[in-house]
């Protein structure tokens, strides 16, 4: 598993029309410009492809920041 900073940088690159340098671990990803359910699917696919962790809607519902998301992915990757 990568560290929080690397996770944030990799995921920031997945958001179209967003300057990755504006994304931090404490960014509320739901407030990203043009946020939609498509971004939620992108996050789920990114985590699955890069970390072999399956997230669901409940996982996303219980997170706000990329830091929160990282915590869940880290926990699930140890299972």
C-alpha atoms as a PDB file:
ATOM      1  CA  UNK A   1       0.000   0.000   0.000  1.00  0.00           C
ATOM      2  CA  UNK A   2       1.291   3.455  -0.893  1.00  0.00           C
ATOM      3  CA  UNK A   3       1.417   6.288   1.626  1.00  0.00           C
ATOM      4  CA  UNK A   4      -1.312   8.927   1.941  1.00  0.00           C
ATOM      5  CA  UNK A   5       0.510  11.499  -0.159  1.00  0.00           C
ATOM      6  CA  UNK A   6       1.076   9.089  -3.057  1.00  0.00           C
ATOM      7  CA  UNK A   7      -2.547   7.869  -2.849  1.00  0.00           C
ATOM      8  CA  UNK A   8      -3.752  11.480  -3.025  1.00  0.00           C
ATOM      9  CA  UNK A   9      -1.492  12.310  -5.973  1.00  0.00           C
ATOM     10  CA  UNK A  10      -2.533   9.229  -7.933  1.00  0.00           C
ATOM     11  CA  UNK A  11      -6.234   9.752  -7.320  1.00  0.00           C
ATOM     12  CA  UNK A  12      -6.011  13.486  -8.086  1.00  0.00           C
ATOM     13  CA  UNK A  13      -4.865  12.572 -11.578  1.00  0.00           C
ATOM     14  CA  UNK A  14      -8.154  10.752 -12.167  1.00  0.00           C
ATOM     15  CA  UNK A  15     -10.300  13.876 -11.852  1.00  0.00           C
ATOM     16  CA  UNK A  16     -10.793  15.614 -15.198  1.00  0.00           C
ATOM     17  CA  UNK A  17     -10.730  19.402 -15.378  1.00  0.00           C
ATOM     18  CA  UNK A  18      -9.169  19.645 -11.923  1.00  0.00           C
ATOM     19  CA  UNK A  19      -5.650  20.874 -11.251  1.00  0.00           C
ATOM     20  CA  UNK A  20      -4.080  17.968  -9.297  1.00  0.00           C
ATOM     21  CA  UNK A  21      -2.002  20.423  -7.269  1.00  0.00           C
ATOM     22  CA  UNK A  22      -5.220  21.714  -5.672  1.00  0.00           C
ATOM     23  CA  UNK A  23      -6.092  18.289  -4.252  1.00  0.00           C
ATOM     24  CA  UNK A  24      -4.816  17.463  -0.752  1.00  0.00           C
ATOM     25  CA  UNK A  25      -5.503  14.606   1.682  1.00  0.00           C
ATOM     26  CA  UNK A  26      -8.026  16.844   3.428  1.00  0.00           C
ATOM     27  CA  UNK A  27      -9.902  17.770   0.263  1.00  0.00           C
ATOM     28  CA  UNK A  28     -13.595  16.975   0.506  1.00  0.00           C
ATOM     29  CA  UNK A  29     -13.796  15.071  -2.742  1.00  0.00           C
ATOM     30  CA  UNK A  30     -17.523  15.739  -3.043  1.00  0.00           C
ATOM     31  CA  UNK A  31     -16.725  19.429  -3.422  1.00  0.00           C
ATOM     32  CA  UNK A  32     -14.486  18.854  -6.432  1.00  0.00           C
ATOM     33  CA  UNK A  33     -15.570  20.886  -9.455  1.00  0.00           C
ATOM     34  CA  UNK A  34     -18.287  19.073 -11.444  1.00  0.00           C
ATOM     35  CA  UNK A  35     -18.643  16.304  -8.813  1.00  0.00           C
ATOM     36  CA  UNK A  36     -21.130  13.668  -9.904  1.00  0.00           C
ATOM     37  CA  UNK A  37     -21.848  10.005  -9.440  1.00  0.00           C
ATOM     38  CA  UNK A  38     -19.426   9.417 -12.319  1.00  0.00           C
ATOM     39  CA  UNK A  39     -16.572  10.519 -10.052  1.00  0.00           C
ATOM     40  CA  UNK A  40     -17.764   8.049  -7.413  1.00  0.00           C
ATOM     41  CA  UNK A  41     -17.500   5.287 -10.011  1.00  0.00           C
ATOM     42  CA  UNK A  42     -14.047   6.537 -11.006  1.00  0.00           C
ATOM     43  CA  UNK A  43     -12.916   6.347  -7.375  1.00  0.00           C
ATOM     44  CA  UNK A  44     -14.294   2.818  -6.978  1.00  0.00           C
ATOM     45  CA  UNK A  45     -12.634   1.656 -10.221  1.00  0.00           C
ATOM     46  CA  UNK A  46      -9.329   3.378  -9.351  1.00  0.00           C
ATOM     47  CA  UNK A  47      -9.141   1.725  -5.936  1.00  0.00           C
ATOM     48  CA  UNK A  48     -10.055  -1.672  -7.356  1.00  0.00           C
ATOM     49  CA  UNK A  49      -7.521  -1.492 -10.202  1.00  0.00           C
ATOM     50  CA  UNK A  50      -4.638  -0.074  -8.157  1.00  0.00           C
ATOM     51  CA  UNK A  51      -5.110  -1.649  -4.738  1.00  0.00           C
ATOM     52  CA  UNK A  52      -7.337  -4.684  -5.375  1.00  0.00           C
ATOM     53  CA  UNK A  53      -9.837  -3.341  -2.841  1.00  0.00           C
ATOM     54  CA  UNK A  54     -13.565  -3.326  -3.522  1.00  0.00           C
ATOM     55  CA  UNK A  55     -15.371  -0.256  -2.259  1.00  0.00           C
ATOM     56  CA  UNK A  56     -19.122   0.113  -2.187  1.00  0.00           C
ATOM     57  CA  UNK A  57     -21.531   2.991  -1.916  1.00  0.00           C
ATOM     58  CA  UNK A  58     -21.633   2.650   1.873  1.00  0.00           C
ATOM     59  CA  UNK A  59     -17.853   3.108   2.060  1.00  0.00           C
ATOM     60  CA  UNK A  60     -18.092   6.321   0.056  1.00  0.00           C
ATOM     61  CA  UNK A  61     -21.080   7.506   2.062  1.00  0.00           C
ATOM     62  CA  UNK A  62     -18.998   7.218   5.242  1.00  0.00           C
ATOM     63  CA  UNK A  63     -16.126   9.327   3.921  1.00  0.00           C
ATOM     64  CA  UNK A  64     -15.642  12.965   3.072  1.00  0.00           C
ATOM     65  CA  UNK A  65     -11.946  13.554   2.532  1.00  0.00           C
ATOM     66  CA  UNK A  66      -9.313  11.656   0.615  1.00  0.00           C
ATOM     67  CA  UNK A  67      -7.732  10.972   4.009  1.00  0.00           C
ATOM     68  CA  UNK A  68     -10.940   9.183   5.100  1.00  0.00           C
ATOM     69  CA  UNK A  69     -10.973   7.236   1.867  1.00  0.00           C
ATOM     70  CA  UNK A  70      -7.320   6.267   2.273  1.00  0.00           C
ATOM     71  CA  UNK A  71      -8.026   4.962   5.773  1.00  0.00           C
ATOM     72  CA  UNK A  72     -10.758   2.650   4.475  1.00  0.00           C
ATOM     73  CA  UNK A  73      -8.638   1.420   1.566  1.00  0.00           C
ATOM     74  CA  UNK A  74      -5.706   0.752   3.904  1.00  0.00           C
ATOM     75  CA  UNK A  75      -7.894  -1.211   6.318  1.00  0.00           C
ATOM     76  CA  UNK A  76      -9.493  -3.260   3.547  1.00  0.00           C
ATOM     77  CA  UNK A  77      -6.150  -4.001   1.912  1.00  0.00           C
ATOM     78  CA  UNK A  78      -5.046  -5.763   5.106  1.00  0.00           C
ATOM     79  CA  UNK A  79      -8.085  -8.086   5.148  1.00  0.00           C
END
